[in-house]
Protein backbone atom coordinates (compact mmCIF):
# COMPACT_ATOMS: atom_id res chain seq x y z
CA MET A 1 65.93 77.39 108.78
CA LYS A 2 65.14 75.55 112.40
CA SER A 3 66.24 77.73 115.32
CA ASN A 4 67.05 75.01 117.22
CA SER A 5 70.00 74.18 114.83
CA CYS A 6 71.56 77.41 115.90
CA VAL A 7 70.69 78.18 119.25
CA GLY A 8 73.17 77.86 122.18
CA ARG A 9 75.83 79.60 119.90
CA VAL A 10 76.33 83.10 119.70
CA GLY A 11 78.35 85.30 117.21
CA LEU A 12 78.91 83.26 114.12
CA GLY A 13 77.02 85.99 112.31
CA LEU A 14 79.73 88.14 113.26
CA ALA A 15 82.53 85.23 111.37
CA ALA A 16 80.71 85.80 107.92
CA ALA A 17 81.70 89.52 107.74
CA LEU A 18 85.53 88.57 107.95
CA VAL A 19 84.80 86.17 104.56
CA VAL A 20 85.49 89.98 102.90
CA SER A 21 89.17 90.26 104.03
CA THR A 22 89.78 87.04 102.73
CA ALA A 23 88.03 87.37 99.49
CA PRO A 24 89.58 87.31 96.25
CA VAL A 25 90.63 91.08 95.13
CA ARG A 26 87.22 92.44 92.97
CA ALA A 27 85.40 95.52 92.85
CA GLN A 28 83.45 95.76 95.94
CA VAL A 29 79.86 96.64 95.69
CA PRO A 30 77.32 98.40 98.85
CA LEU A 31 75.24 96.10 100.61
CA THR A 32 72.06 98.29 98.96
CA THR A 33 73.19 96.42 95.94
CA TYR A 34 70.88 93.52 96.91
CA MET A 35 68.13 95.01 98.07
CA ASP A 36 64.61 95.21 96.80
CA SER A 37 62.79 97.89 95.21
CA LYS A 38 61.31 98.88 99.03
CA GLY A 39 64.95 98.89 100.95
CA TYR A 40 64.88 95.29 102.61
CA LEU A 41 67.42 93.00 102.07
CA ASP A 42 66.74 89.05 102.72
CA VAL A 43 69.48 88.14 104.84
CA GLN A 44 68.01 84.43 104.39
CA ALA A 45 68.82 84.62 100.73
CA LEU A 46 72.28 86.44 100.95
CA THR A 47 74.91 84.03 99.82
CA CYS A 48 78.71 83.67 100.63
CA ALA A 49 79.61 85.38 97.53
CA GLN A 50 77.70 88.70 97.87
CA LEU A 51 78.58 89.22 101.57
CA ALA A 52 82.12 88.72 100.14
CA ASN A 53 81.50 91.22 97.40
CA THR A 54 80.46 94.00 99.67
CA TYR A 55 82.44 96.51 101.43
CA GLN A 56 84.07 95.65 105.14
CA GLU A 57 81.60 98.33 107.20
CA ASP A 58 78.77 96.77 105.13
CA ALA A 59 79.67 93.43 106.12
CA ASP A 60 80.36 94.37 109.73
CA TYR A 61 76.88 95.76 109.84
CA LEU A 62 75.27 92.69 108.44
CA ALA A 63 77.64 90.34 111.14
CA ALA A 64 75.95 92.64 114.18
CA TRP A 65 72.74 91.70 112.58
CA TYR A 66 72.93 88.10 112.48
CA SER A 67 74.73 88.17 115.98
CA GLY A 68 71.60 89.97 117.40
CA TRP A 69 69.34 87.32 114.97
CA TYR A 70 70.90 84.33 116.38
CA ASN A 71 71.25 85.80 119.97
CA GLY A 72 67.65 86.56 119.89
CA LEU A 73 66.70 82.79 118.24
CA ALA A 74 68.77 81.40 121.42
CA LYS A 75 66.93 83.72 123.99
CA LYS A 76 70.79 84.91 124.94
CA HIS A 77 71.68 88.07 126.35
CA PHE A 78 75.71 87.40 126.27
CA VAL A 79 78.11 86.06 123.76
CA HIS A 80 81.42 84.10 124.28
CA ILE A 81 83.83 86.28 122.56
CA THR A 82 87.14 83.86 122.41
CA ARG A 83 84.84 80.76 120.86
CA THR A 84 83.38 83.44 118.55
CA LYS A 85 87.00 83.64 117.38
CA ALA A 86 87.28 80.28 116.58
CA ASP A 87 83.79 79.91 115.05
CA GLU A 88 84.47 82.95 112.81
CA HIS A 89 87.52 81.53 110.90
CA GLN A 90 85.38 78.15 110.27
CA VAL A 91 82.85 80.17 108.73
CA ILE A 92 85.02 82.03 106.30
CA VAL A 93 87.02 78.68 104.98
CA TYR A 94 83.24 77.43 104.59
CA CYS A 95 82.56 80.35 102.70
CA LYS A 96 85.60 80.36 100.52
CA ALA A 97 84.63 76.86 99.24
CA ASN A 98 80.92 77.28 99.01
CA PRO A 99 80.39 80.86 97.50
CA ASN A 100 76.80 79.97 95.98
CA VAL A 101 76.21 78.68 99.55
CA LYS A 102 73.68 81.24 101.61
CA VAL A 103 75.36 82.79 104.63
CA ILE A 104 72.83 81.34 107.09
CA GLU A 105 73.32 77.85 105.68
CA ALA A 106 77.26 77.99 106.57
CA ILE A 107 76.36 78.82 109.94
CA ASP A 108 73.69 76.41 110.14
CA THR A 109 76.54 73.79 109.01
CA ILE A 110 79.06 75.07 111.23
CA PHE A 111 76.83 74.80 114.24
CA LYS A 112 75.89 71.09 113.22
CA ASN A 113 79.59 70.11 112.37
CA GLU A 114 80.45 71.51 116.10
CA LYS A 115 77.91 69.29 117.76
């Protein structure tokens, strides 16, 4: 992913976590289910469906990571909280409609559509 496609907006990574609360009811699994044998999770490969299938607290943890990642790419040290709430909803809707899409692609699509 190119960093310039998502810089300037902060907190959309947090939106991905809310997918969990709107996903169809099914057995939730720990985020560790998706880690490799060394304990790492490839956040660039995680799909909307995988995120939606994890526990809320795991999704919240991952959302904080995405937010920090995007903040770092944008070299930003702040977040616009009210704008983030609207962005969160957009990611939820997109991920529900596109469960096989990677979370970072869903966030990137939202960023591009807002421009």
